[in-house]
Each structure stands twice: as C-alpha cells, then as structure tokens.
Amino acid sequence: MAPCSADPSGPTLFGTRTWTLMGPDGQSYASATPGALGGHRRGRIYGQLNCRSALQAIVRGGYVPQRVFFADEATAIAAGYRPCAVCMPQAYANWQAKHP
C-alpha cells in the first residue's frame, strides 16, 4: 500500500490538486481537500496536524514515511487508529477507558 500524504500530488487533468487520505477501510484515496488529522501508520495513532509530539518525531526523522492523513476523526477511528495522548488528551482518556 502506498503511504498516504498531505502533500498535494500536483495538477490533475482539470488543474486541481489532490491529497492522499486514508479511508475507513484503511485504503488510500485521492481527495480534493487536505486531511484534517494526521496519523502514524505503524503506531496506529491519530492527532492534530500541529501536534507537538508528531512535529518532534518528524524533526528526528523516520516518521514521515509512516505518516497518514484522515478527513475526520470518525474515519480515523473506523480505520482502527486511537487518539494521541499529547494533542488530544480528553479523546485519549475516553479511548483508554474503553480499552483497558
């Protein structure tokens, strides 16, 4: 499976940009709008695009190839990802209470 990317794939036939997002089935698809949430494929974690923890991991290297993007939280959850404890502490606490 090709990695998902928030980077636009460039012009399409009609001159519009597309972004690669992950769907609820875990498969990548092209979208006319960028993702609202980012995630890490191997860790199966999703969070805000400006998450301090994710940005630090990107700087350290090795994180970007595992980066995925979601249109919304419901899609990330349906794809089997959990909320980030750093940037989404309340959603993480709710998830943790349901998954002891």
PDB file of N, CA and C in Angstrom:
ATOM      1  N   MET A   1       0.843  -1.166   0.000  1.00  0.00           N
ATOM      2  CA  MET A   1       0.000   0.000   0.000  1.00  0.00           C
ATOM      3  C   MET A   1       0.892   1.234   0.000  1.00  0.00           C
ATOM      4  N   ALA A   2       0.604   2.195  -0.831  1.00  0.00           N
ATOM      5  CA  ALA A   2       1.382   3.420  -0.895  1.00  0.00           C
ATOM      6  C   ALA A   2       1.099   4.275   0.332  1.00  0.00           C
ATOM      7  N   PRO A   3       2.124   4.986   0.851  1.00  0.00           N
ATOM      8  CA  PRO A   3       1.891   5.828   2.010  1.00  0.00           C
ATOM      9  C   PRO A   3       0.943   6.969   1.674  1.00  0.00           C
ATOM     10  N   CYS A   4       0.139   7.355   2.646  1.00  0.00           N
ATOM     11  CA  CYS A   4      -0.751   8.496   2.483  1.00  0.00           C
ATOM     12  C   CYS A   4       0.083   9.751   2.646  1.00  0.00           C
ATOM     13  N   SER A   5      -0.329  10.823   2.015  1.00  0.00           N
ATOM     14  CA  SER A   5       0.450  12.040   2.053  1.00  0.00           C
ATOM     15  C   SER A   5      -0.445  13.256   2.069  1.00  0.00           C
ATOM     16  N   ALA A   6      -0.058  14.267   2.835  1.00  0.00           N
ATOM     17  CA  ALA A   6      -0.791  15.527   2.818  1.00  0.00           C
ATOM     18  C   ALA A   6      -0.253  16.420   1.718  1.00  0.00           C
ATOM     19  N   ASP A   7       0.875  16.042   1.155  1.00  0.00           N
ATOM     20  CA  ASP A   7       1.427  16.833   0.074  1.00  0.00           C
ATOM     21  C   ASP A   7       0.549  16.677  -1.156  1.00  0.00           C
ATOM     22  N   PRO A   8       0.242  17.792  -1.800  1.00  0.00           N
ATOM     23  CA  PRO A   8      -0.576  17.672  -2.998  1.00  0.00           C
ATOM     24  C   PRO A   8       0.150  16.856  -4.053  1.00  0.00           C
ATOM     25  N   SER A   9      -0.595  16.077  -4.773  1.00  0.00           N
ATOM     26  CA  SER A   9       0.017  15.231  -5.791  1.00  0.00           C
ATOM     27  C   SER A   9       0.263  15.994  -7.078  1.00  0.00           C
ATOM     28  N   GLY A  10      -0.087  17.254  -7.096  1.00  0.00           N
ATOM     29  CA  GLY A  10       0.136  18.069  -8.279  1.00  0.00           C
ATOM     30  C   GLY A  10      -1.131  18.239  -9.075  1.00  0.00           C
ATOM     31  N   PRO A  11      -1.017  18.918 -10.192  1.00  0.00           N
ATOM     32  CA  PRO A  11      -2.202  19.178 -11.001  1.00  0.00           C
ATOM     33  C   PRO A  11      -2.811  17.892 -11.541  1.00  0.00           C
ATOM     34  N   THR A  12      -4.105  17.872 -11.634  1.00  0.00           N
ATOM     35  CA  THR A  12      -4.797  16.754 -12.254  1.00  0.00           C
ATOM     36  C   THR A  12      -5.219  17.187 -13.643  1.00  0.00           C
ATOM     37  N   LEU A  13      -5.986  16.373 -14.275  1.00  0.00           N
ATOM     38  CA  LEU A  13      -6.462  16.672 -15.618  1.00  0.00           C
ATOM     39  C   LEU A  13      -7.165  18.024 -15.668  1.00  0.00           C
ATOM     40  N   PHE A  14      -7.852  18.380 -14.590  1.00  0.00           N
ATOM     41  CA  PHE A  14      -8.615  19.625 -14.567  1.00  0.00           C
ATOM     42  C   PHE A  14      -7.879  20.757 -13.867  1.00  0.00           C
ATOM     43  N   GLY A  15      -6.617  20.555 -13.529  1.00  0.00           N
ATOM     44  CA  GLY A  15      -5.821  21.610 -12.934  1.00  0.00           C
ATOM     45  C   GLY A  15      -6.028  21.775 -11.438  1.00  0.00           C
ATOM     46  N   THR A  16      -6.676  20.835 -10.770  1.00  0.00           N
ATOM     47  CA  THR A  16      -6.868  20.937  -9.327  1.00  0.00           C
ATOM     48  C   THR A  16      -5.907  20.000  -8.614  1.00  0.00           C
ATOM     49  N   ARG A  17      -5.601  20.325  -7.384  1.00  0.00           N
ATOM     50  CA  ARG A  17      -4.712  19.487  -6.587  1.00  0.00           C
ATOM     51  C   ARG A  17      -5.508  18.401  -5.887  1.00  0.00           C
ATOM     52  N   THR A  18      -4.834  17.313  -5.585  1.00  0.00           N
ATOM     53  CA  THR A  18      -5.447  16.255  -4.790  1.00  0.00           C
ATOM     54  C   THR A  18      -4.495  15.874  -3.661  1.00  0.00           C
ATOM     55  N   TRP A  19      -5.054  15.356  -2.585  1.00  0.00           N
ATOM     56  CA  TRP A  19      -4.294  14.875  -1.446  1.00  0.00           C
ATOM     57  C   TRP A  19      -4.643  13.418  -1.238  1.00  0.00           C
ATOM     58  N   THR A  20      -3.679  12.655  -0.758  1.00  0.00           N
ATOM     59  CA  THR A  20      -3.909  11.244  -0.486  1.00  0.00           C
ATOM     60  C   THR A  20      -4.293  11.080   0.979  1.00  0.00           C
ATOM     61  N   LEU A  21      -5.497  10.578   1.214  1.00  0.00           N
ATOM     62  CA  LEU A  21      -6.004  10.354   2.561  1.00  0.00           C
ATOM     63  C   LEU A  21      -6.261   8.870   2.769  1.00  0.00           C
ATOM     64  N   MET A  22      -6.418   8.479   4.024  1.00  0.00           N
ATOM     65  CA  MET A  22      -6.770   7.102   4.348  1.00  0.00           C
ATOM     66  C   MET A  22      -8.265   7.046   4.642  1.00  0.00           C
ATOM     67  N   GLY A  23      -8.926   6.062   4.058  1.00  0.00           N
ATOM     68  CA  GLY A  23     -10.354   5.876   4.274  1.00  0.00           C
ATOM     69  C   GLY A  23     -10.628   4.988   5.473  1.00  0.00           C
ATOM     70  N   PRO A  24     -11.903   4.807   5.826  1.00  0.00           N
ATOM     71  CA  PRO A  24     -12.267   3.984   6.977  1.00  0.00           C
ATOM     72  C   PRO A  24     -11.860   2.521   6.828  1.00  0.00           C
ATOM     73  N   ASP A  25     -11.634   2.093   5.595  1.00  0.00           N
ATOM     74  CA  ASP A  25     -11.207   0.711   5.346  1.00  0.00           C
ATOM     75  C   ASP A  25      -9.685   0.558   5.376  1.00  0.00           C
ATOM     76  N   GLY A  26      -8.970   1.651   5.682  1.00  0.00           N
ATOM     77  CA  GLY A  26      -7.515   1.608   5.735  1.00  0.00           C
ATOM     78  C   GLY A  26      -6.842   1.769   4.390  1.00  0.00           C
ATOM     79  N   GLN A  27      -7.620   1.988   3.347  1.00  0.00           N
ATOM     80  CA  GLN A  27      -7.076   2.150   1.999  1.00  0.00           C
ATOM     81  C   GLN A  27      -6.912   3.633   1.668  1.00  0.00           C
ATOM     82  N   SER A  28      -5.889   3.946   0.901  1.00  0.00           N
ATOM     83  CA  SER A  28      -5.637   5.313   0.466  1.00  0.00           C
ATOM     84  C   SER A  28      -6.586   5.699  -0.653  1.00  0.00           C
ATOM     85  N   TYR A  29      -6.928   6.993  -0.695  1.00  0.00           N
ATOM     86  CA  TYR A  29      -7.746   7.512  -1.786  1.00  0.00           C
ATOM     87  C   TYR A  29      -7.383   8.970  -2.034  1.00  0.00           C
ATOM     88  N   ALA A  30      -7.643   9.446  -3.235  1.00  0.00           N
ATOM     89  CA  ALA A  30      -7.373  10.837  -3.593  1.00  0.00           C
ATOM     90  C   ALA A  30      -8.537  11.704  -3.141  1.00  0.00           C
ATOM     91  N   SER A  31      -8.208  12.870  -2.588  1.00  0.00           N
ATOM     92  CA  SER A  31      -9.226  13.792  -2.090  1.00  0.00           C
ATOM     93  C   SER A  31      -8.967  15.188  -2.637  1.00  0.00           C
ATOM     94  N   ALA A  32     -10.033  15.922  -2.880  1.00  0.00           N
ATOM     95  CA  ALA A  32      -9.906  17.302  -3.339  1.00  0.00           C
ATOM     96  C   ALA A  32      -9.579  18.241  -2.179  1.00  0.00           C
ATOM     97  N   THR A  33      -9.728  17.765  -0.938  1.00  0.00           N
ATOM     98  CA  THR A  33      -9.418  18.580   0.234  1.00  0.00           C
ATOM     99  C   THR A  33      -8.347  17.884   1.073  1.00  0.00           C
ATOM    100  N   PRO A  34      -7.486  18.666   1.726  1.00  0.00           N
ATOM    101  CA  PRO A  34      -6.445  18.053   2.554  1.00  0.00           C
ATOM    102  C   PRO A  34      -7.035  17.416   3.806  1.00  0.00           C
ATOM    103  N   GLY A  35      -6.279  16.556   4.427  1.00  0.00           N
ATOM    104  CA  GLY A  35      -6.721  15.902   5.648  1.00  0.00           C
ATOM    105  C   GLY A  35      -6.822  16.869   6.813  1.00  0.00           C
ATOM    106  N   ALA A  36      -7.736  16.579   7.731  1.00  0.00           N
ATOM    107  CA  ALA A  36      -7.920  17.394   8.928  1.00  0.00           C
ATOM    108  C   ALA A  36      -7.096  16.865  10.097  1.00  0.00           C
ATOM    109  N   LEU A  37      -6.735  15.584  10.039  1.00  0.00           N
ATOM    110  CA  LEU A  37      -5.962  14.940  11.097  1.00  0.00           C
ATOM    111  C   LEU A  37      -4.823  14.139  10.482  1.00  0.00           C
ATOM    112  N   GLY A  38      -3.729  14.038  11.217  1.00  0.00           N
ATOM    113  CA  GLY A  38      -2.611  13.217  10.784  1.00  0.00           C
ATOM    114  C   GLY A  38      -2.513  11.983  11.656  1.00  0.00           C
ATOM    115  N   GLY A  39      -1.752  11.019  11.195  1.00  0.00           N
ATOM    116  CA  GLY A  39      -1.582   9.804  11.978  1.00  0.00           C
ATOM    117  C   GLY A  39      -0.275   9.120  11.661  1.00  0.00           C
ATOM    118  N   HIS A  40       0.010   8.066  12.420  1.00  0.00           N
ATOM    119  CA  HIS A  40       1.206   7.258  12.224  1.00  0.00           C
ATOM    120  C   HIS A  40       0.764   5.829  11.955  1.00  0.00           C
ATOM    121  N   ARG A  41       1.095   5.340  10.774  1.00  0.00           N
ATOM    122  CA  ARG A  41       0.627   4.023  10.327  1.00  0.00           C
ATOM    123  C   ARG A  41       1.059   2.911  11.283  1.00  0.00           C
ATOM    124  N   ARG A  42       2.312   2.850  11.643  1.00  0.00           N
ATOM    125  CA  ARG A  42       2.796   1.755  12.479  1.00  0.00           C
ATOM    126  C   ARG A  42       2.228   1.832  13.899  1.00  0.00           C
ATOM    127  N   GLY A  43       2.166   3.045  14.469  1.00  0.00           N
ATOM    128  CA  GLY A  43       1.649   3.209  15.822  1.00  0.00           C
ATOM    129  C   GLY A  43       0.135   3.231  15.902  1.00  0.00           C
ATOM    130  N   ARG A  44      -0.520   3.383  14.754  1.00  0.00           N
ATOM    131  CA  ARG A  44      -1.983   3.443  14.658  1.00  0.00           C
ATOM    132  C   ARG A  44      -2.553   4.510  15.595  1.00  0.00           C
ATOM    133  N   ILE A  45      -1.915   5.695  15.556  1.00  0.00           N
ATOM    134  CA  ILE A  45      -2.306   6.841  16.368  1.00  0.00           C
ATOM    135  C   ILE A  45      -2.700   7.967  15.425  1.00  0.00           C
ATOM    136  N   TYR A  46      -3.736   8.734  15.784  1.00  0.00           N
ATOM    137  CA  TYR A  46      -4.091   9.921  15.007  1.00  0.00           C
ATOM    138  C   TYR A  46      -4.138  11.129  15.931  1.00  0.00           C
ATOM    139  N   GLY A  47      -3.944  12.307  15.347  1.00  0.00           N
ATOM    140  CA  GLY A  47      -3.983  13.532  16.140  1.00  0.00           C
ATOM    141  C   GLY A  47      -4.041  14.765  15.263  1.00  0.00           C
ATOM    142  N   GLN A  48      -3.917  15.896  15.918  1.00  0.00           N
ATOM    143  CA  GLN A  48      -3.973  17.178  15.224  1.00  0.00           C
ATOM    144  C   GLN A  48      -2.724  17.361  14.368  1.00  0.00           C
ATOM    145  N   LEU A  49      -2.867  18.113  13.299  1.00  0.00           N
ATOM    146  CA  LEU A  49      -1.739  18.310  12.387  1.00  0.00           C
ATOM    147  C   LEU A  49      -0.599  19.092  13.033  1.00  0.00           C
ATOM    148  N   ASN A  50      -0.917  19.889  14.057  1.00  0.00           N
ATOM    149  CA  ASN A  50       0.118  20.671  14.731  1.00  0.00           C
ATOM    150  C   ASN A  50       0.559  20.031  16.045  1.00  0.00           C
ATOM    151  N   CYS A  51       0.363  18.744  16.201  1.00  0.00           N
ATOM    152  CA  CYS A  51       0.715  18.024  17.430  1.00  0.00           C
ATOM    153  C   CYS A  51       2.212  18.158  17.726  1.00  0.00           C
ATOM    154  N   ARG A  52       2.528  18.588  18.934  1.00  0.00           N
ATOM    155  CA  ARG A  52       3.917  18.769  19.356  1.00  0.00           C
ATOM    156  C   ARG A  52       4.708  17.469  19.231  1.00  0.00           C
ATOM    157  N   SER A  53       4.122  16.379  19.658  1.00  0.00           N
ATOM    158  CA  SER A  53       4.804  15.082  19.614  1.00  0.00           C
ATOM    159  C   SER A  53       5.094  14.645  18.178  1.00  0.00           C
ATOM    160  N   ALA A  54       4.123  14.798  17.302  1.00  0.00           N
ATOM    161  CA  ALA A  54       4.316  14.410  15.900  1.00  0.00           C
ATOM    162  C   ALA A  54       5.359  15.299  15.226  1.00  0.00           C
ATOM    163  N   LEU A  55       5.306  16.602  15.499  1.00  0.00           N
ATOM    164  CA  LEU A  55       6.270  17.513  14.889  1.00  0.00           C
ATOM    165  C   LEU A  55       7.692  17.189  15.352  1.00  0.00           C
ATOM    166  N   GLN A  56       7.854  16.833  16.629  1.00  0.00           N
ATOM    167  CA  GLN A  56       9.173  16.441  17.128  1.00  0.00           C
ATOM    168  C   GLN A  56       9.648  15.152  16.457  1.00  0.00           C
ATOM    169  N   ALA A  57       8.738  14.211  16.254  1.00  0.00           N
ATOM    170  CA  ALA A  57       9.097  12.951  15.591  1.00  0.00           C
ATOM    171  C   ALA A  57       9.510  13.194  14.140  1.00  0.00           C
ATOM    172  N   ILE A  58       8.845  14.127  13.483  1.00  0.00           N
ATOM    173  CA  ILE A  58       9.194  14.462  12.099  1.00  0.00           C
ATOM    174  C   ILE A  58      10.615  15.028  12.051  1.00  0.00           C
ATOM    175  N   VAL A  59      10.949  15.908  12.989  1.00  0.00           N
ATOM    176  CA  VAL A  59      12.285  16.504  13.034  1.00  0.00           C
ATOM    177  C   VAL A  59      13.350  15.433  13.274  1.00  0.00           C
ATOM    178  N   ARG A  60      13.063  14.458  14.132  1.00  0.00           N
ATOM    179  CA  ARG A  60      14.021  13.381  14.417  1.00  0.00           C
ATOM    180  C   ARG A  60      14.238  12.481  13.206  1.00  0.00           C
ATOM    181  N   GLY A  61      13.281  12.448  12.303  1.00  0.00           N
ATOM    182  CA  GLY A  61      13.390  11.623  11.104  1.00  0.00           C
ATOM    183  C   GLY A  61      12.749  10.264  11.270  1.00  0.00           C
ATOM    184  N   GLY A  62      12.455   9.633  10.151  1.00  0.00           N
ATOM    185  CA  GLY A  62      11.872   8.300  10.171  1.00  0.00           C
ATOM    186  C   GLY A  62      10.371   8.257  10.324  1.00  0.00           C
ATOM    187  N   TYR A  63       9.759   9.365  10.677  1.00  0.00           N
ATOM    188  CA  TYR A  63       8.319   9.406  10.928  1.00  0.00           C
ATOM    189  C   TYR A  63       7.527   9.619   9.639  1.00  0.00           C
ATOM    190  N   VAL A  64       8.056  10.440   8.770  1.00  0.00           N
ATOM    191  CA  VAL A  64       7.325  10.856   7.568  1.00  0.00           C
ATOM    192  C   VAL A  64       6.874   9.684   6.692  1.00  0.00           C
ATOM    193  N   PRO A  65       7.690   8.650   6.469  1.00  0.00           N
ATOM    194  CA  PRO A  65       7.208   7.538   5.632  1.00  0.00           C
ATOM    195  C   PRO A  65       6.000   6.808   6.219  1.00  0.00           C
ATOM    196  N   GLN A  66       5.797   6.913   7.529  1.00  0.00           N
ATOM    197  CA  GLN A  66       4.674   6.247   8.188  1.00  0.00           C
ATOM    198  C   GLN A  66       3.475   7.178   8.383  1.00  0.00           C
ATOM    199  N   ARG A  67       3.578   8.423   7.919  1.00  0.00           N
ATOM    200  CA  ARG A  67       2.544   9.438   8.136  1.00  0.00           C
ATOM    201  C   ARG A  67       1.353   9.156   7.238  1.00  0.00           C
ATOM    202  N   VAL A  68       0.153   9.259   7.813  1.00  0.00           N
ATOM    203  CA  VAL A  68      -1.097   9.124   7.072  1.00  0.00           C
ATOM    204  C   VAL A  68      -1.991  10.299   7.451  1.00  0.00           C
ATOM    205  N   PHE A  69      -3.035  10.534   6.658  1.00  0.00           N
ATOM    206  CA  PHE A  69      -3.932  11.656   6.902  1.00  0.00           C
ATOM    207  C   PHE A  69      -5.376  11.206   6.766  1.00  0.00           C
ATOM    208  N   PHE A  70      -6.233  11.817   7.579  1.00  0.00           N
ATOM    209  CA  PHE A  70      -7.651  11.466   7.617  1.00  0.00           C
ATOM    210  C   PHE A  70      -8.505  12.704   7.403  1.00  0.00           C
ATOM    211  N   ALA A  71      -9.667  12.498   6.790  1.00  0.00           N
ATOM    212  CA  ALA A  71     -10.609  13.594   6.582  1.00  0.00           C
ATOM    213  C   ALA A  71     -11.209  14.053   7.901  1.00  0.00           C
ATOM    214  N   ASP A  72     -11.451  13.112   8.825  1.00  0.00           N
ATOM    215  CA  ASP A  72     -12.086  13.451  10.100  1.00  0.00           C
ATOM    216  C   ASP A  72     -11.807  12.372  11.137  1.00  0.00           C
ATOM    217  N   GLU A  73     -12.230  12.643  12.359  1.00  0.00           N
ATOM    218  CA  GLU A  73     -11.969  11.721  13.462  1.00  0.00           C
ATOM    219  C   GLU A  73     -12.705  10.396  13.293  1.00  0.00           C
ATOM    220  N   ALA A  74     -13.933  10.447  12.806  1.00  0.00           N
ATOM    221  CA  ALA A  74     -14.708   9.211  12.618  1.00  0.00           C
ATOM    222  C   ALA A  74     -13.992   8.260  11.657  1.00  0.00           C
ATOM    223  N   THR A  75     -13.382   8.800  10.620  1.00  0.00           N
ATOM    224  CA  THR A  75     -12.656   7.971   9.656  1.00  0.00           C
ATOM    225  C   THR A  75     -11.422   7.347  10.299  1.00  0.00           C
ATOM    226  N   ALA A  76     -10.701   8.131  11.095  1.00  0.00           N
ATOM    227  CA  ALA A  76      -9.513   7.607  11.774  1.00  0.00           C
ATOM    228  C   ALA A  76      -9.888   6.461  12.714  1.00  0.00           C
ATOM    229  N   ILE A  77     -10.962   6.630  13.459  1.00  0.00           N
ATOM    230  CA  ILE A  77     -11.416   5.594  14.389  1.00  0.00           C
ATOM    231  C   ILE A  77     -11.850   4.350  13.621  1.00  0.00           C
ATOM    232  N   ALA A  78     -12.604   4.543  12.542  1.00  0.00           N
ATOM    233  CA  ALA A  78     -13.077   3.411  11.737  1.00  0.00           C
ATOM    234  C   ALA A  78     -11.907   2.635  11.132  1.00  0.00           C
ATOM    235  N   ALA A  79     -10.806   3.331  10.845  1.00  0.00           N
ATOM    236  CA  ALA A  79      -9.625   2.678  10.271  1.00  0.00           C
ATOM    237  C   ALA A  79      -8.794   1.966  11.341  1.00  0.00           C
ATOM    238  N   GLY A  80      -9.213   2.067  12.607  1.00  0.00           N
ATOM    239  CA  GLY A  80      -8.534   1.351  13.680  1.00  0.00           C
ATOM    240  C   GLY A  80      -7.452   2.128  14.402  1.00  0.00           C
ATOM    241  N   TYR A  81      -7.478   3.447  14.306  1.00  0.00           N
ATOM    242  CA  TYR A  81      -6.483   4.290  14.958  1.00  0.00           C
ATOM    243  C   TYR A  81      -7.030   4.827  16.277  1.00  0.00           C
ATOM    244  N   ARG A  82      -6.122   5.125  17.219  1.00  0.00           N
ATOM    245  CA  ARG A  82      -6.515   5.687  18.509  1.00  0.00           C
ATOM    246  C   ARG A  82      -6.041   7.135  18.593  1.00  0.00           C
ATOM    247  N   PRO A  83      -6.671   7.939  19.466  1.00  0.00           N
ATOM    248  CA  PRO A  83      -6.265   9.341  19.605  1.00  0.00           C
ATOM    249  C   PRO A  83      -4.883   9.486  20.252  1.00  0.00           C
ATOM    250  N   CYS A  84      -4.209  10.557  19.922  1.00  0.00           N
ATOM    251  CA  CYS A  84      -2.911  10.889  20.505  1.00  0.00           C
ATOM    252  C   CYS A  84      -3.116  11.415  21.927  1.00  0.00           C
ATOM    253  N   ALA A  85      -2.328  10.921  22.866  1.00  0.00           N
ATOM    254  CA  ALA A  85      -2.427  11.357  24.260  1.00  0.00           C
ATOM    255  C   ALA A  85      -1.891  12.771  24.454  1.00  0.00           C
ATOM    256  N   VAL A  86      -1.033  13.236  23.548  1.00  0.00           N
ATOM    257  CA  VAL A  86      -0.412  14.554  23.701  1.00  0.00           C
ATOM    258  C   VAL A  86      -1.334  15.670  23.228  1.00  0.00           C
ATOM    259  N   CYS A  87      -1.834  15.573  22.015  1.00  0.00           N
ATOM    260  CA  CYS A  87      -2.623  16.676  21.453  1.00  0.00           C
ATOM    261  C   CYS A  87      -4.132  16.490  21.608  1.00  0.00           C
ATOM    262  N   MET A  88      -4.571  15.292  21.994  1.00  0.00           N
ATOM    263  CA  MET A  88      -5.997  15.020  22.173  1.00  0.00           C
ATOM    264  C   MET A  88      -6.207  14.271  23.497  1.00  0.00           C
ATOM    265  N   PRO A  89      -5.806  14.886  24.624  1.00  0.00           N
ATOM    266  CA  PRO A  89      -5.826  14.161  25.896  1.00  0.00           C
ATOM    267  C   PRO A  89      -7.213  13.678  26.327  1.00  0.00           C
ATOM    268  N   GLN A  90      -8.253  14.447  26.086  1.00  0.00           N
ATOM    269  CA  GLN A  90      -9.591  14.013  26.500  1.00  0.00           C
ATOM    270  C   GLN A  90     -10.078  12.843  25.646  1.00  0.00           C
ATOM    271  N   ALA A  91      -9.865  12.930  24.337  1.00  0.00           N
ATOM    272  CA  ALA A  91     -10.256  11.825  23.455  1.00  0.00           C
ATOM    273  C   ALA A  91      -9.453  10.573  23.798  1.00  0.00           C
ATOM    274  N   TYR A  92      -8.170  10.756  24.140  1.00  0.00           N
ATOM    275  CA  TYR A  92      -7.340   9.615  24.530  1.00  0.00           C
ATOM    276  C   TYR A  92      -7.845   8.991  25.827  1.00  0.00           C
ATOM    277  N   ALA A  93      -8.197   9.823  26.813  1.00  0.00           N
ATOM    278  CA  ALA A  93      -8.716   9.306  28.088  1.00  0.00           C
ATOM    279  C   ALA A  93     -10.001   8.519  27.859  1.00  0.00           C
ATOM    280  N   ASN A  94     -10.867   9.027  26.990  1.00  0.00           N
ATOM    281  CA  ASN A  94     -12.108   8.314  26.662  1.00  0.00           C
ATOM    282  C   ASN A  94     -11.797   6.982  25.990  1.00  0.00           C
ATOM    283  N   TRP A  95     -10.852   6.988  25.056  1.00  0.00           N
ATOM    284  CA  TRP A  95     -10.463   5.757  24.366  1.00  0.00           C
ATOM    285  C   TRP A  95      -9.873   4.762  25.359  1.00  0.00           C
ATOM    286  N   GLN A  96      -8.995   5.254  26.244  1.00  0.00           N
ATOM    287  CA  GLN A  96      -8.323   4.384  27.205  1.00  0.00           C
ATOM    288  C   GLN A  96      -9.327   3.744  28.170  1.00  0.00           C
ATOM    289  N   ALA A  97     -10.358   4.485  28.554  1.00  0.00           N
ATOM    290  CA  ALA A  97     -11.381   3.943  29.452  1.00  0.00           C
ATOM    291  C   ALA A  97     -12.146   2.794  28.791  1.00  0.00           C
ATOM    292  N   LYS A  98     -12.264   2.846  27.475  1.00  0.00           N
ATOM    293  CA  LYS A  98     -12.983   1.804  26.736  1.00  0.00           C
ATOM    294  C   LYS A  98     -12.081   0.632  26.357  1.00  0.00           C
ATOM    295  N   HIS A  99     -10.757   0.819  26.453  1.00  0.00           N
ATOM    296  CA  HIS A  99      -9.783  -0.205  26.054  1.00  0.00           C
ATOM    297  C   HIS A  99      -8.768  -0.425  27.175  1.00  0.00           C
ATOM    298  N   PRO A 100      -9.203  -0.989  28.308  1.00  0.00           N
ATOM    299  CA  PRO A 100      -8.279  -1.159  29.450  1.00  0.00           C
ATOM    300  C   PRO A 100      -7.176  -2.172  29.167  1.00  0.00           C
TER     301      PRO A 100
END
